[in-house]
N, C-alpha and C. Protein backbone atom coordinates (compact mmCIF):
# COMPACT_ATOMS: atom_id res chain seq x y z
N MET A 1 -101.94 51.57 58.06
CA MET A 1 -102.56 52.09 59.29
C MET A 1 -103.82 51.28 59.60
N LYS A 2 -103.91 50.82 60.85
CA LYS A 2 -105.09 50.08 61.27
C LYS A 2 -106.36 50.94 61.18
N THR A 3 -107.52 50.25 60.98
CA THR A 3 -108.77 51.00 60.76
C THR A 3 -109.10 51.89 61.96
N GLY A 4 -109.03 51.41 63.18
CA GLY A 4 -109.36 52.21 64.36
C GLY A 4 -108.44 53.42 64.46
N LYS A 5 -107.16 53.17 64.20
CA LYS A 5 -106.11 54.31 64.28
C LYS A 5 -106.39 55.30 63.23
N LYS A 6 -106.77 54.75 62.04
CA LYS A 6 -107.05 55.67 60.86
C LYS A 6 -108.18 56.58 61.18
N TRP A 7 -109.27 56.04 61.77
CA TRP A 7 -110.43 56.89 62.05
C TRP A 7 -110.13 57.86 63.18
N LEU A 8 -109.31 57.54 64.08
CA LEU A 8 -108.89 58.49 65.12
C LEU A 8 -108.11 59.63 64.53
N TRP A 9 -107.24 59.22 63.61
CA TRP A 9 -106.40 60.21 62.88
C TRP A 9 -107.34 61.21 62.10
N ILE A 10 -108.31 60.66 61.40
CA ILE A 10 -109.24 61.49 60.62
C ILE A 10 -110.03 62.39 61.54
N LEU A 11 -110.52 61.87 62.65
CA LEU A 11 -111.29 62.64 63.65
C LEU A 11 -110.46 63.79 64.18
N ALA A 12 -109.20 63.49 64.52
CA ALA A 12 -108.28 64.55 65.09
C ALA A 12 -108.02 65.61 63.99
N ALA A 13 -107.79 65.14 62.76
CA ALA A 13 -107.54 66.10 61.68
C ALA A 13 -108.69 67.01 61.41
N VAL A 14 -109.89 66.43 61.34
CA VAL A 14 -111.12 67.25 61.08
C VAL A 14 -111.34 68.27 62.21
N SER A 15 -111.12 67.78 63.42
CA SER A 15 -111.29 68.67 64.64
C SER A 15 -110.30 69.80 64.58
N ALA A 16 -109.06 69.44 64.25
CA ALA A 16 -108.02 70.46 64.16
C ALA A 16 -108.30 71.60 63.12
N VAL A 17 -108.82 71.11 61.98
CA VAL A 17 -109.15 72.03 60.88
C VAL A 17 -110.30 72.93 61.27
N LEU A 18 -111.34 72.35 61.84
CA LEU A 18 -112.54 73.13 62.21
C LEU A 18 -112.24 74.14 63.27
N ILE A 19 -111.54 73.73 64.32
CA ILE A 19 -111.19 74.65 65.43
C ILE A 19 -110.12 75.59 64.97
N GLY A 20 -109.24 75.16 64.05
CA GLY A 20 -108.26 76.07 63.51
C GLY A 20 -108.88 77.25 62.76
N LEU A 21 -109.99 76.98 62.07
CA LEU A 21 -110.75 78.00 61.35
C LEU A 21 -111.72 78.77 62.22
N TYR A 22 -111.95 78.25 63.39
CA TYR A 22 -112.96 78.82 64.27
C TYR A 22 -112.65 80.33 64.67
N PRO A 23 -111.40 80.74 64.89
CA PRO A 23 -111.17 82.10 65.25
C PRO A 23 -111.69 83.12 64.27
N SER A 24 -111.81 82.75 62.97
CA SER A 24 -112.32 83.73 62.00
C SER A 24 -113.76 84.16 62.30
N ILE A 25 -114.53 83.33 63.11
CA ILE A 25 -115.89 83.69 63.49
C ILE A 25 -115.93 85.02 64.23
N TYR A 26 -114.89 85.19 65.09
CA TYR A 26 -114.85 86.38 65.96
C TYR A 26 -114.75 87.70 65.17
N LEU A 27 -114.37 87.64 63.89
CA LEU A 27 -114.18 88.80 63.05
C LEU A 27 -115.57 89.28 62.55
N PHE A 28 -116.62 88.42 62.64
CA PHE A 28 -117.85 88.72 61.99
C PHE A 28 -119.07 88.74 62.91
N ILE A 29 -118.90 88.40 64.12
CA ILE A 29 -120.07 88.28 65.03
C ILE A 29 -119.95 89.21 66.20
N ASP A 30 -121.03 89.21 66.95
CA ASP A 30 -121.22 90.11 68.11
C ASP A 30 -120.12 89.71 69.19
N ARG A 31 -119.64 90.63 69.95
CA ARG A 31 -118.65 90.46 70.94
C ARG A 31 -119.10 89.67 72.17
N THR A 32 -120.35 89.35 72.18
CA THR A 32 -120.90 88.53 73.30
C THR A 32 -120.86 87.03 72.90
N PHE A 33 -120.31 86.72 71.74
CA PHE A 33 -120.25 85.35 71.31
C PHE A 33 -119.28 84.51 72.07
N GLY A 34 -119.63 83.22 72.35
CA GLY A 34 -118.73 82.30 72.96
C GLY A 34 -118.15 82.76 74.29
N LEU A 35 -116.85 82.48 74.50
CA LEU A 35 -116.23 82.88 75.79
C LEU A 35 -116.18 84.35 76.08
N LEU A 36 -116.25 85.18 74.98
CA LEU A 36 -116.26 86.61 75.20
C LEU A 36 -117.46 87.07 76.03
N GLY A 37 -118.51 86.29 75.97
CA GLY A 37 -119.69 86.62 76.77
C GLY A 37 -119.51 86.54 78.25
N SER A 38 -118.41 85.88 78.73
CA SER A 38 -118.11 85.80 80.14
C SER A 38 -117.19 86.86 80.59
N LYS A 39 -116.70 87.73 79.69
CA LYS A 39 -115.73 88.77 79.99
C LYS A 39 -116.48 90.08 80.41
N SER A 40 -115.84 90.84 81.28
CA SER A 40 -116.40 92.15 81.72
C SER A 40 -116.30 93.22 80.56
N SER A 41 -117.11 94.21 80.60
CA SER A 41 -117.03 95.25 79.56
C SER A 41 -115.70 95.99 79.70
N ASP A 42 -115.15 96.10 80.89
CA ASP A 42 -113.84 96.80 81.11
C ASP A 42 -112.76 96.03 80.36
N LEU A 43 -112.78 94.69 80.53
CA LEU A 43 -111.74 93.89 79.90
C LEU A 43 -111.96 93.91 78.38
N LEU A 44 -113.17 93.84 77.84
CA LEU A 44 -113.38 93.81 76.43
C LEU A 44 -113.01 95.18 75.85
N GLY A 45 -112.94 96.22 76.65
CA GLY A 45 -112.53 97.57 76.18
C GLY A 45 -111.00 97.82 76.28
N ASN A 46 -110.30 96.86 76.85
CA ASN A 46 -108.90 97.04 77.12
C ASN A 46 -108.12 96.69 75.83
N LEU A 47 -107.35 97.70 75.29
CA LEU A 47 -106.65 97.51 74.06
C LEU A 47 -105.63 96.40 74.08
N ALA A 48 -104.81 96.37 75.12
CA ALA A 48 -103.73 95.33 75.24
C ALA A 48 -104.36 93.93 75.29
N TRP A 49 -105.41 93.82 76.06
CA TRP A 49 -106.08 92.45 76.14
C TRP A 49 -106.62 92.05 74.78
N ASN A 50 -107.28 92.99 74.08
CA ASN A 50 -107.83 92.69 72.79
C ASN A 50 -106.82 92.29 71.75
N ILE A 51 -105.69 92.97 71.76
CA ILE A 51 -104.57 92.61 70.86
C ILE A 51 -104.07 91.19 71.19
N ALA A 52 -103.85 90.95 72.49
CA ALA A 52 -103.38 89.61 72.89
C ALA A 52 -104.39 88.54 72.53
N PHE A 53 -105.69 88.84 72.73
CA PHE A 53 -106.73 87.85 72.46
C PHE A 53 -106.74 87.44 70.98
N TYR A 54 -106.79 88.47 70.09
CA TYR A 54 -106.81 88.14 68.64
C TYR A 54 -105.52 87.62 68.10
N VAL A 55 -104.38 88.03 68.66
CA VAL A 55 -103.13 87.41 68.32
C VAL A 55 -103.14 85.92 68.73
N HIS A 56 -103.61 85.60 69.94
CA HIS A 56 -103.61 84.25 70.36
C HIS A 56 -104.51 83.34 69.57
N ILE A 57 -105.78 83.80 69.33
CA ILE A 57 -106.65 82.86 68.56
C ILE A 57 -106.19 82.74 67.11
N SER A 58 -105.56 83.77 66.54
CA SER A 58 -105.17 83.74 65.17
C SER A 58 -103.95 82.82 64.99
N PHE A 59 -102.92 83.01 65.78
CA PHE A 59 -101.69 82.30 65.64
C PHE A 59 -101.92 80.81 66.13
N ALA A 60 -102.67 80.62 67.21
CA ALA A 60 -102.97 79.31 67.67
C ALA A 60 -103.78 78.56 66.66
N GLY A 61 -104.71 79.27 65.99
CA GLY A 61 -105.49 78.62 64.92
C GLY A 61 -104.60 78.12 63.78
N VAL A 62 -103.61 78.90 63.37
CA VAL A 62 -102.70 78.50 62.28
C VAL A 62 -101.88 77.25 62.73
N ALA A 63 -101.35 77.27 64.00
CA ALA A 63 -100.63 76.15 64.48
C ALA A 63 -101.47 74.86 64.56
N LEU A 64 -102.71 75.00 64.94
CA LEU A 64 -103.62 73.86 65.00
C LEU A 64 -103.91 73.34 63.61
N LEU A 65 -104.05 74.25 62.64
CA LEU A 65 -104.36 73.83 61.26
C LEU A 65 -103.14 73.06 60.63
N LEU A 66 -101.92 73.47 60.93
CA LEU A 66 -100.78 72.93 60.32
C LEU A 66 -100.17 71.75 61.00
N GLY A 67 -100.32 71.70 62.36
CA GLY A 67 -99.58 70.75 63.15
C GLY A 67 -99.87 69.29 62.85
N TRP A 68 -101.12 68.94 62.65
CA TRP A 68 -101.39 67.55 62.45
C TRP A 68 -100.84 66.96 61.20
N ILE A 69 -100.66 67.81 60.14
CA ILE A 69 -100.09 67.39 58.87
C ILE A 69 -98.67 66.83 59.05
N GLN A 70 -97.95 67.47 59.95
CA GLN A 70 -96.52 67.17 60.13
C GLN A 70 -96.23 65.80 60.67
N PHE A 71 -97.25 65.12 61.17
CA PHE A 71 -96.98 63.83 61.82
C PHE A 71 -97.17 62.67 60.88
N ASN A 72 -97.49 62.93 59.63
CA ASN A 72 -97.58 61.89 58.62
C ASN A 72 -96.21 61.49 58.08
N PRO A 73 -95.74 60.30 58.40
CA PRO A 73 -94.33 59.92 57.99
C PRO A 73 -94.13 59.87 56.44
N GLU A 74 -95.19 59.40 55.72
CA GLU A 74 -95.04 59.30 54.29
C GLU A 74 -94.96 60.65 53.67
N TRP A 75 -95.77 61.61 54.16
CA TRP A 75 -95.75 62.98 53.67
C TRP A 75 -94.41 63.62 53.93
N ARG A 76 -93.85 63.37 55.13
CA ARG A 76 -92.52 63.93 55.43
C ARG A 76 -91.47 63.46 54.53
N LYS A 77 -91.51 62.21 54.10
CA LYS A 77 -90.49 61.62 53.21
C LYS A 77 -90.64 62.17 51.80
N LYS A 78 -91.91 62.33 51.38
CA LYS A 78 -92.11 62.74 49.98
C LYS A 78 -91.85 64.25 49.80
N ARG A 79 -92.15 65.05 50.85
CA ARG A 79 -91.94 66.49 50.75
C ARG A 79 -91.26 67.08 51.92
N PRO A 80 -89.98 66.71 52.09
CA PRO A 80 -89.18 67.20 53.19
C PRO A 80 -89.05 68.71 53.27
N GLY A 81 -88.93 69.33 52.11
CA GLY A 81 -88.80 70.80 52.12
C GLY A 81 -90.04 71.51 52.59
N LEU A 82 -91.18 71.01 52.14
CA LEU A 82 -92.48 71.63 52.62
C LEU A 82 -92.68 71.30 54.08
N HIS A 83 -92.23 70.11 54.53
CA HIS A 83 -92.33 69.78 55.94
C HIS A 83 -91.53 70.74 56.82
N ARG A 84 -90.34 71.10 56.34
CA ARG A 84 -89.51 72.05 57.12
C ARG A 84 -90.11 73.44 57.13
N ASN A 85 -90.63 73.89 55.98
CA ASN A 85 -91.21 75.23 55.91
C ASN A 85 -92.45 75.35 56.72
N LEU A 86 -93.31 74.32 56.62
CA LEU A 86 -94.51 74.38 57.48
C LEU A 86 -94.20 74.26 58.95
N GLY A 87 -93.10 73.48 59.24
CA GLY A 87 -92.64 73.38 60.60
C GLY A 87 -92.23 74.72 61.19
N LYS A 88 -91.56 75.56 60.34
CA LYS A 88 -91.15 76.89 60.80
C LYS A 88 -92.38 77.78 61.08
N VAL A 89 -93.37 77.65 60.22
CA VAL A 89 -94.60 78.44 60.44
C VAL A 89 -95.24 77.96 61.72
N TYR A 90 -95.29 76.64 61.93
CA TYR A 90 -95.85 76.08 63.19
C TYR A 90 -95.10 76.56 64.39
N VAL A 91 -93.82 76.62 64.39
CA VAL A 91 -93.03 77.03 65.49
C VAL A 91 -93.28 78.50 65.85
N VAL A 92 -93.25 79.32 64.85
CA VAL A 92 -93.49 80.76 65.06
C VAL A 92 -94.88 80.96 65.61
N SER A 93 -95.89 80.32 64.92
CA SER A 93 -97.28 80.46 65.40
C SER A 93 -97.49 80.00 66.79
N SER A 94 -96.85 78.88 67.18
CA SER A 94 -96.95 78.38 68.50
C SER A 94 -96.33 79.24 69.55
N LEU A 95 -95.15 79.77 69.24
CA LEU A 95 -94.43 80.63 70.20
C LEU A 95 -95.22 81.92 70.44
N VAL A 96 -95.67 82.52 69.34
CA VAL A 96 -96.39 83.78 69.49
C VAL A 96 -97.76 83.53 70.14
N GLY A 97 -98.47 82.46 69.69
CA GLY A 97 -99.74 82.11 70.26
C GLY A 97 -99.70 81.78 71.75
N SER A 98 -98.65 81.13 72.16
CA SER A 98 -98.54 80.68 73.55
C SER A 98 -98.26 81.95 74.43
N VAL A 99 -97.37 82.78 73.98
CA VAL A 99 -97.06 84.02 74.77
C VAL A 99 -98.29 84.86 74.93
N ALA A 100 -99.10 85.04 73.87
CA ALA A 100 -100.33 85.81 73.96
C ALA A 100 -101.33 85.09 74.82
N GLY A 101 -101.31 83.75 74.78
CA GLY A 101 -102.19 82.97 75.64
C GLY A 101 -101.85 83.13 77.15
N ILE A 102 -100.58 83.14 77.40
CA ILE A 102 -100.11 83.40 78.79
C ILE A 102 -100.66 84.71 79.33
N TYR A 103 -100.55 85.76 78.46
CA TYR A 103 -101.01 87.08 78.87
C TYR A 103 -102.46 87.09 79.17
N ILE A 104 -103.33 86.55 78.25
CA ILE A 104 -104.77 86.61 78.53
C ILE A 104 -105.14 85.67 79.65
N GLY A 105 -104.26 84.67 79.90
CA GLY A 105 -104.54 83.74 80.97
C GLY A 105 -104.65 84.43 82.34
N PHE A 106 -103.98 85.51 82.45
CA PHE A 106 -104.03 86.26 83.76
C PHE A 106 -105.43 86.90 83.96
N SER A 107 -106.19 86.95 82.92
CA SER A 107 -107.61 87.48 83.03
C SER A 107 -108.64 86.46 82.86
N ALA A 108 -108.25 85.23 83.00
CA ALA A 108 -109.19 84.06 82.76
C ALA A 108 -110.40 84.10 83.61
N THR A 109 -111.54 83.82 83.04
CA THR A 109 -112.78 83.69 83.82
C THR A 109 -112.66 82.54 84.82
N GLY A 110 -113.08 82.75 86.05
CA GLY A 110 -113.04 81.67 87.01
C GLY A 110 -111.97 81.83 88.07
N GLY A 111 -111.25 82.93 87.97
CA GLY A 111 -110.28 83.23 89.08
C GLY A 111 -108.96 82.48 88.98
N ARG A 112 -108.35 82.31 90.14
CA ARG A 112 -106.91 81.80 90.16
C ARG A 112 -106.79 80.42 89.67
N ILE A 113 -107.82 79.56 89.89
CA ILE A 113 -107.74 78.18 89.47
C ILE A 113 -107.64 78.12 87.93
N ALA A 114 -108.51 78.81 87.28
CA ALA A 114 -108.55 78.88 85.82
C ALA A 114 -107.30 79.61 85.32
N MET A 115 -106.84 80.67 85.96
CA MET A 115 -105.68 81.36 85.54
C MET A 115 -104.46 80.45 85.57
N ALA A 116 -104.30 79.75 86.67
CA ALA A 116 -103.16 78.81 86.81
C ALA A 116 -103.17 77.77 85.75
N GLY A 117 -104.36 77.25 85.39
CA GLY A 117 -104.48 76.16 84.37
C GLY A 117 -104.04 76.70 83.00
N PHE A 118 -104.54 77.88 82.58
CA PHE A 118 -104.26 78.39 81.30
C PHE A 118 -102.82 78.92 81.17
N ILE A 119 -102.37 79.53 82.24
CA ILE A 119 -100.91 80.03 82.17
C ILE A 119 -100.01 78.83 82.11
N SER A 120 -100.27 77.78 82.88
CA SER A 120 -99.42 76.58 82.80
C SER A 120 -99.42 76.02 81.44
N LEU A 121 -100.62 75.96 80.81
CA LEU A 121 -100.73 75.46 79.41
C LEU A 121 -99.84 76.27 78.50
N GLY A 122 -99.91 77.56 78.58
CA GLY A 122 -99.16 78.47 77.69
C GLY A 122 -97.65 78.24 77.92
N LEU A 123 -97.25 78.14 79.13
CA LEU A 123 -95.78 77.91 79.40
C LEU A 123 -95.34 76.55 78.89
N ILE A 124 -96.12 75.51 79.03
CA ILE A 124 -95.75 74.24 78.54
C ILE A 124 -95.71 74.21 77.02
N TRP A 125 -96.67 74.83 76.38
CA TRP A 125 -96.71 74.88 74.92
C TRP A 125 -95.50 75.64 74.43
N PHE A 126 -95.19 76.79 75.02
CA PHE A 126 -93.99 77.54 74.62
C PHE A 126 -92.73 76.69 74.80
N ALA A 127 -92.54 76.12 76.01
CA ALA A 127 -91.33 75.36 76.28
C ALA A 127 -91.10 74.19 75.37
N THR A 128 -92.12 73.40 75.18
CA THR A 128 -91.97 72.19 74.34
C THR A 128 -91.73 72.52 72.89
N THR A 129 -92.38 73.62 72.40
CA THR A 129 -92.11 74.03 71.00
C THR A 129 -90.73 74.56 70.83
N LEU A 130 -90.25 75.31 71.79
CA LEU A 130 -88.88 75.91 71.72
C LEU A 130 -87.86 74.78 71.80
N MET A 131 -88.09 73.77 72.68
CA MET A 131 -87.17 72.62 72.80
C MET A 131 -87.17 71.83 71.45
N ALA A 132 -88.37 71.66 70.87
CA ALA A 132 -88.42 70.97 69.60
C ALA A 132 -87.60 71.63 68.53
N TYR A 133 -87.69 72.99 68.49
CA TYR A 133 -86.90 73.77 67.54
C TYR A 133 -85.38 73.62 67.78
N VAL A 134 -85.02 73.71 69.07
CA VAL A 134 -83.58 73.65 69.42
C VAL A 134 -83.09 72.23 69.05
N HIS A 135 -83.84 71.21 69.28
CA HIS A 135 -83.41 69.85 68.97
C HIS A 135 -83.22 69.67 67.45
N ILE A 136 -84.11 70.19 66.60
CA ILE A 136 -84.00 70.04 65.23
C ILE A 136 -82.81 70.81 64.63
N ARG A 137 -82.53 71.96 65.28
CA ARG A 137 -81.41 72.78 64.86
C ARG A 137 -80.10 72.04 65.17
N ASN A 138 -80.10 71.16 66.21
CA ASN A 138 -78.89 70.41 66.54
C ASN A 138 -78.95 69.01 66.03
N ARG A 139 -79.87 68.75 65.10
CA ARG A 139 -80.06 67.50 64.36
C ARG A 139 -80.32 66.30 65.30
N ARG A 140 -81.04 66.61 66.40
CA ARG A 140 -81.48 65.53 67.29
C ARG A 140 -82.92 65.19 66.88
N ILE A 141 -83.01 64.33 65.88
CA ILE A 141 -84.28 64.11 65.25
C ILE A 141 -85.30 63.48 66.14
N GLU A 142 -84.92 62.41 66.86
CA GLU A 142 -85.90 61.77 67.74
C GLU A 142 -86.34 62.63 68.88
N ALA A 143 -85.41 63.42 69.44
CA ALA A 143 -85.78 64.30 70.51
C ALA A 143 -86.71 65.42 70.01
N HIS A 144 -86.44 65.86 68.77
CA HIS A 144 -87.28 66.82 68.18
C HIS A 144 -88.74 66.29 67.96
N ARG A 145 -88.83 65.04 67.48
CA ARG A 145 -90.14 64.50 67.29
C ARG A 145 -90.91 64.26 68.58
N THR A 146 -90.16 63.87 69.62
CA THR A 146 -90.79 63.71 70.90
C THR A 146 -91.42 65.04 71.42
N MET A 147 -90.57 66.13 71.36
CA MET A 147 -91.07 67.38 71.82
C MET A 147 -92.18 67.97 70.99
N MET A 148 -92.19 67.62 69.64
CA MET A 148 -93.24 68.11 68.80
C MET A 148 -94.58 67.41 69.17
N ILE A 149 -94.52 66.14 69.56
CA ILE A 149 -95.72 65.46 70.01
C ILE A 149 -96.33 66.15 71.25
N PHE A 150 -95.41 66.50 72.20
CA PHE A 150 -95.90 67.21 73.40
C PHE A 150 -96.40 68.65 73.05
N SER A 151 -95.70 69.29 72.15
CA SER A 151 -96.08 70.63 71.73
C SER A 151 -97.50 70.60 71.08
N TYR A 152 -97.71 69.62 70.20
CA TYR A 152 -99.06 69.62 69.55
C TYR A 152 -100.14 69.15 70.48
N ALA A 153 -99.75 68.34 71.46
CA ALA A 153 -100.74 67.91 72.50
C ALA A 153 -101.23 69.17 73.22
N ALA A 154 -100.29 70.04 73.54
CA ALA A 154 -100.69 71.30 74.21
C ALA A 154 -101.51 72.20 73.23
N CYS A 155 -101.06 72.26 72.02
CA CYS A 155 -101.83 73.04 71.01
C CYS A 155 -103.22 72.51 70.84
N PHE A 156 -103.39 71.22 70.90
CA PHE A 156 -104.67 70.53 70.66
C PHE A 156 -105.67 70.82 71.79
N ALA A 157 -105.21 71.52 72.88
CA ALA A 157 -106.12 71.96 73.93
C ALA A 157 -107.22 72.81 73.39
N GLY A 158 -106.96 73.51 72.22
CA GLY A 158 -107.96 74.34 71.61
C GLY A 158 -109.16 73.51 71.18
N VAL A 159 -108.91 72.22 70.84
CA VAL A 159 -110.02 71.32 70.52
C VAL A 159 -110.69 70.75 71.75
N THR A 160 -109.83 70.18 72.61
CA THR A 160 -110.35 69.49 73.78
C THR A 160 -111.07 70.44 74.73
N LEU A 161 -110.68 71.70 74.78
CA LEU A 161 -111.43 72.67 75.60
C LEU A 161 -112.88 72.73 75.19
N ARG A 162 -113.09 72.71 73.84
CA ARG A 162 -114.45 72.84 73.33
C ARG A 162 -115.23 71.50 73.47
N VAL A 163 -114.55 70.45 73.83
CA VAL A 163 -115.22 69.18 74.05
C VAL A 163 -115.63 69.10 75.56
N TRP A 164 -114.64 69.42 76.40
CA TRP A 164 -114.87 69.28 77.88
C TRP A 164 -115.83 70.35 78.43
N LEU A 165 -115.72 71.56 77.94
CA LEU A 165 -116.52 72.62 78.56
C LEU A 165 -118.02 72.37 78.47
N PRO A 166 -118.66 72.09 77.34
CA PRO A 166 -120.08 71.80 77.28
C PRO A 166 -120.50 70.56 78.06
N ILE A 167 -119.60 69.54 78.07
CA ILE A 167 -119.91 68.34 78.87
C ILE A 167 -120.00 68.66 80.31
N LEU A 168 -119.00 69.40 80.82
CA LEU A 168 -118.94 69.69 82.24
C LEU A 168 -120.03 70.76 82.62
N MET A 169 -120.42 71.62 81.72
CA MET A 169 -121.48 72.52 81.98
C MET A 169 -122.82 71.81 82.19
N VAL A 170 -123.04 70.80 81.32
CA VAL A 170 -124.28 70.02 81.47
C VAL A 170 -124.21 69.18 82.74
N ALA A 171 -123.07 68.63 83.02
CA ALA A 171 -122.90 67.74 84.20
C ALA A 171 -123.00 68.50 85.53
N LEU A 172 -122.42 69.67 85.57
CA LEU A 172 -122.36 70.45 86.81
C LEU A 172 -123.38 71.60 86.87
N GLY A 173 -123.87 72.04 85.77
CA GLY A 173 -124.92 73.07 85.80
C GLY A 173 -124.35 74.44 86.20
N ASP A 174 -123.02 74.62 86.11
CA ASP A 174 -122.47 75.86 86.51
C ASP A 174 -121.25 76.19 85.63
N PHE A 175 -121.41 77.33 84.87
CA PHE A 175 -120.35 77.62 83.87
C PHE A 175 -118.96 77.89 84.59
N THR A 176 -118.92 78.64 85.68
CA THR A 176 -117.73 79.06 86.28
C THR A 176 -116.94 77.79 86.80
N ILE A 177 -117.60 76.88 87.47
CA ILE A 177 -117.00 75.71 87.93
C ILE A 177 -116.50 74.82 86.81
N ALA A 178 -117.37 74.72 85.79
CA ALA A 178 -116.97 73.93 84.65
C ALA A 178 -115.76 74.51 83.91
N TYR A 179 -115.68 75.83 83.87
CA TYR A 179 -114.56 76.50 83.20
C TYR A 179 -113.26 76.30 83.98
N ARG A 180 -113.36 76.31 85.36
CA ARG A 180 -112.19 76.08 86.15
C ARG A 180 -111.56 74.69 85.90
N ILE A 181 -112.48 73.69 85.83
CA ILE A 181 -112.05 72.32 85.63
C ILE A 181 -111.48 72.23 84.21
N THR A 182 -112.20 72.84 83.24
CA THR A 182 -111.77 72.73 81.86
C THR A 182 -110.39 73.33 81.61
N ALA A 183 -110.03 74.36 82.36
CA ALA A 183 -108.75 75.01 82.28
C ALA A 183 -107.60 74.04 82.49
N TRP A 184 -107.91 72.90 83.16
CA TRP A 184 -106.88 71.88 83.36
C TRP A 184 -107.19 70.62 82.55
N MET A 185 -108.43 70.29 82.44
CA MET A 185 -108.81 69.10 81.63
C MET A 185 -108.52 69.19 80.16
N CYS A 186 -108.47 70.43 79.68
CA CYS A 186 -108.25 70.60 78.22
C CYS A 186 -106.85 70.29 77.78
N TRP A 187 -105.88 70.16 78.76
CA TRP A 187 -104.52 69.91 78.36
C TRP A 187 -103.84 68.80 79.09
N VAL A 188 -104.14 68.59 80.36
CA VAL A 188 -103.46 67.53 81.17
C VAL A 188 -103.68 66.14 80.53
N PRO A 189 -104.93 65.72 80.21
CA PRO A 189 -105.08 64.41 79.55
C PRO A 189 -104.33 64.33 78.28
N ASN A 190 -104.23 65.44 77.46
CA ASN A 190 -103.54 65.49 76.23
C ASN A 190 -102.04 65.11 76.40
N LEU A 191 -101.46 65.71 77.45
CA LEU A 191 -100.03 65.42 77.71
C LEU A 191 -99.82 63.99 78.21
N ILE A 192 -100.82 63.43 78.89
CA ILE A 192 -100.70 62.01 79.32
C ILE A 192 -100.70 61.12 78.09
N VAL A 193 -101.62 61.45 77.11
CA VAL A 193 -101.57 60.71 75.83
C VAL A 193 -100.35 60.85 75.12
N ALA A 194 -99.79 62.07 75.05
CA ALA A 194 -98.52 62.30 74.41
C ALA A 194 -97.39 61.47 75.03
N TYR A 195 -97.39 61.37 76.40
CA TYR A 195 -96.39 60.62 77.06
C TYR A 195 -96.48 59.18 76.73
N LEU A 196 -97.75 58.67 76.63
CA LEU A 196 -97.91 57.23 76.29
C LEU A 196 -97.50 56.92 74.88
N ILE A 197 -97.77 57.90 73.97
CA ILE A 197 -97.34 57.74 72.51
C ILE A 197 -95.81 57.72 72.46
N THR A 198 -95.18 58.67 73.13
CA THR A 198 -93.73 58.74 73.03
C THR A 198 -93.05 57.54 73.70
N ARG A 199 -93.67 57.04 74.77
CA ARG A 199 -93.02 55.87 75.44
C ARG A 199 -93.17 54.65 74.54
N ARG A 200 -94.30 54.53 73.89
CA ARG A 200 -94.49 53.39 73.01
C ARG A 200 -93.54 53.50 71.79
N ARG A 201 -93.30 54.67 71.28
CA ARG A 201 -92.36 54.84 70.17
C ARG A 201 -90.97 54.43 70.59
N ASN A 202 -90.55 54.90 71.81
CA ASN A 202 -89.24 54.51 72.29
C ASN A 202 -89.06 53.01 72.52
N GLN A 203 -90.14 52.41 73.00
CA GLN A 203 -90.11 50.95 73.21
C GLN A 203 -89.96 50.22 71.82
N ASN A 204 -90.71 50.63 70.85
CA ASN A 204 -90.67 49.99 69.54
C ASN A 204 -89.26 50.18 68.93
N GLN A 205 -88.65 51.29 69.13
CA GLN A 205 -87.30 51.56 68.59
C GLN A 205 -86.25 50.73 69.21
N ASN A 206 -86.51 50.37 70.46
CA ASN A 206 -85.47 49.54 71.22
C ASN A 206 -85.65 48.03 71.02
N ILE A 207 -86.77 47.61 70.28
CA ILE A 207 -86.96 46.20 70.03
C ILE A 207 -86.00 45.73 68.97
């Protein structure tokens, strides 16, 4: 692995682990912490929303923690059984996390623009994960790998959201506007990168 690519891999892995563990903070701190501070008291008191919120951050955190490991080809060859088992955990975590994310997306801070961004993210994450699972069940290995790249790109929005939001808040000086933009910026560029990666893989396979 080239040095530049290796350091990008390490950076992505560390970010995934840190943000994957991040949801545990919500179990020990005040309810005004982080994005919860932008929610109304009525919403914070809504049982269904609270269940969906904690289900989302918990299962999405597990998916984020496990997903990056699955892309190491040497590890997949050495431990195929563990790769399959962790893959099952990732699929379940992603499907549950995305459905919960779609639900809380309807109450996103910032109105319809933010709602549309996060709901779209949840739908894409769910669809690509389900397609990846269907492909591997039908032994379509390359199609499975392609969809898993897109699935984890959507999952990785948990990291990129926390990169874009503070940058845009400083640049724009307005949380609501920054959050509306972040609702799209946290995942659209990720999918563009995923597309470029899969296109390059396909080109290399055809050489």
